[in-house]
Amino acid sequence: MNINLHIEHLILDGIPVDKVDKPKVSAAIKSELSHLLSNNKSSAELLPRKSTHSMRGGNISVKPNHNPITLGYKIAGAVYQGVKK
């Protein structure tokens, strides 16, 4: 089974990410989403869907001076929750 997920824009409302940390956050999101989508396949959850203009993911909590990789994993989990809806 192939899964194609294209995210054109990801809006992180209220989460400050330093310019230098953006590539780390992005890489962590991609890595964790790949992991979640490939290891948690449930045919009922991942039925083929039409494209959608927007999707609301789950909520996350972020501590000040957050680790960019941990932040990326949390964001991936929130996106995954939105995909499963």
Protein backbone atom coordinates (compact mmCIF):
# COMPACT_ATOMS: atom_id res chain seq x y z
CA MET A 1 0.00 0.00 0.00
CA ASN A 2 1.35 3.41 -0.94
CA ILE A 3 0.44 6.46 1.09
CA ASN A 4 0.95 9.90 -0.41
CA LEU A 5 0.59 12.88 1.88
CA HIS A 6 1.33 16.33 0.54
CA ILE A 7 1.39 19.24 2.98
CA GLU A 8 1.72 22.52 1.14
CA HIS A 9 1.53 24.76 4.20
CA LEU A 10 1.69 23.92 7.88
CA ILE A 11 0.56 26.71 10.17
CA LEU A 12 1.91 26.58 13.70
CA ASP A 13 -0.31 29.06 15.49
CA GLY A 14 1.36 30.37 18.63
CA ILE A 15 4.48 28.19 18.38
CA PRO A 16 7.65 30.20 17.91
CA VAL A 17 10.25 28.38 15.83
CA ASP A 18 13.64 29.99 15.28
CA LYS A 19 14.75 30.22 11.66
CA VAL A 20 17.78 28.05 12.42
CA ASP A 21 15.53 25.32 13.91
CA LYS A 22 13.04 25.12 11.02
CA PRO A 23 14.99 22.46 9.06
CA LYS A 24 15.26 20.28 12.21
CA VAL A 25 11.55 20.63 12.93
CA SER A 26 10.68 19.87 9.30
CA ALA A 27 12.92 16.78 9.18
CA ALA A 28 11.45 15.48 12.45
CA ILE A 29 7.90 15.99 11.16
CA LYS A 30 8.65 14.08 7.95
CA SER A 31 10.41 11.27 9.79
CA GLU A 32 7.72 10.81 12.44
CA LEU A 33 4.81 11.06 9.97
CA SER A 34 6.45 8.41 7.81
CA HIS A 35 6.83 6.22 10.88
CA LEU A 36 3.25 6.76 12.07
CA LEU A 37 1.68 6.22 8.66
CA SER A 38 3.67 3.10 7.85
CA ASN A 39 3.38 1.43 11.27
CA ASN A 40 -0.22 2.24 12.21
CA LYS A 41 -2.08 1.25 9.08
CA SER A 42 -5.68 0.48 9.72
CA SER A 43 -7.76 0.12 6.59
CA ALA A 44 -10.67 1.87 8.30
CA GLU A 45 -8.49 4.84 9.26
CA LEU A 46 -6.57 5.29 6.03
CA LEU A 47 -9.14 4.73 3.31
CA PRO A 48 -8.41 6.72 0.16
CA ARG A 49 -9.75 10.23 0.48
CA LYS A 50 -10.20 13.16 -1.80
CA SER A 51 -7.90 16.13 -1.49
CA THR A 52 -8.82 18.60 1.17
CA HIS A 53 -8.12 22.30 1.28
CA SER A 54 -7.44 22.30 4.99
CA MET A 55 -7.40 19.95 7.92
CA ARG A 56 -7.30 20.56 11.63
CA GLY A 57 -4.81 18.44 13.52
CA GLY A 58 -4.64 17.70 17.20
CA ASN A 59 -3.42 20.02 19.92
CA ILE A 60 0.04 19.92 21.44
CA SER A 61 1.65 21.56 24.42
CA VAL A 62 5.04 23.21 24.05
CA LYS A 63 7.43 24.28 26.78
CA PRO A 64 9.56 27.39 26.46
CA ASN A 65 12.94 26.64 24.85
CA HIS A 66 11.52 23.49 23.28
CA ASN A 67 13.73 20.97 21.51
CA PRO A 68 13.09 21.32 17.75
CA ILE A 69 13.16 17.57 17.14
CA THR A 70 10.71 16.86 19.96
CA LEU A 71 8.52 19.67 18.63
CA GLY A 72 8.59 18.06 15.16
CA TYR A 73 7.51 14.71 16.62
CA LYS A 74 4.64 16.36 18.50
CA ILE A 75 3.51 18.23 15.39
CA ALA A 76 3.63 14.99 13.37
CA GLY A 77 1.43 13.31 15.97
CA ALA A 78 -1.07 16.15 15.75
CA VAL A 79 -1.10 15.99 11.94
CA TYR A 80 -1.57 12.23 12.10
CA GLN A 81 -4.58 12.69 14.37
CA GLY A 82 -6.08 14.98 11.74
CA VAL A 83 -5.41 12.47 8.96
CA LYS A 84 -7.20 9.73 10.90
CA LYS A 85 -10.38 11.82 11.31
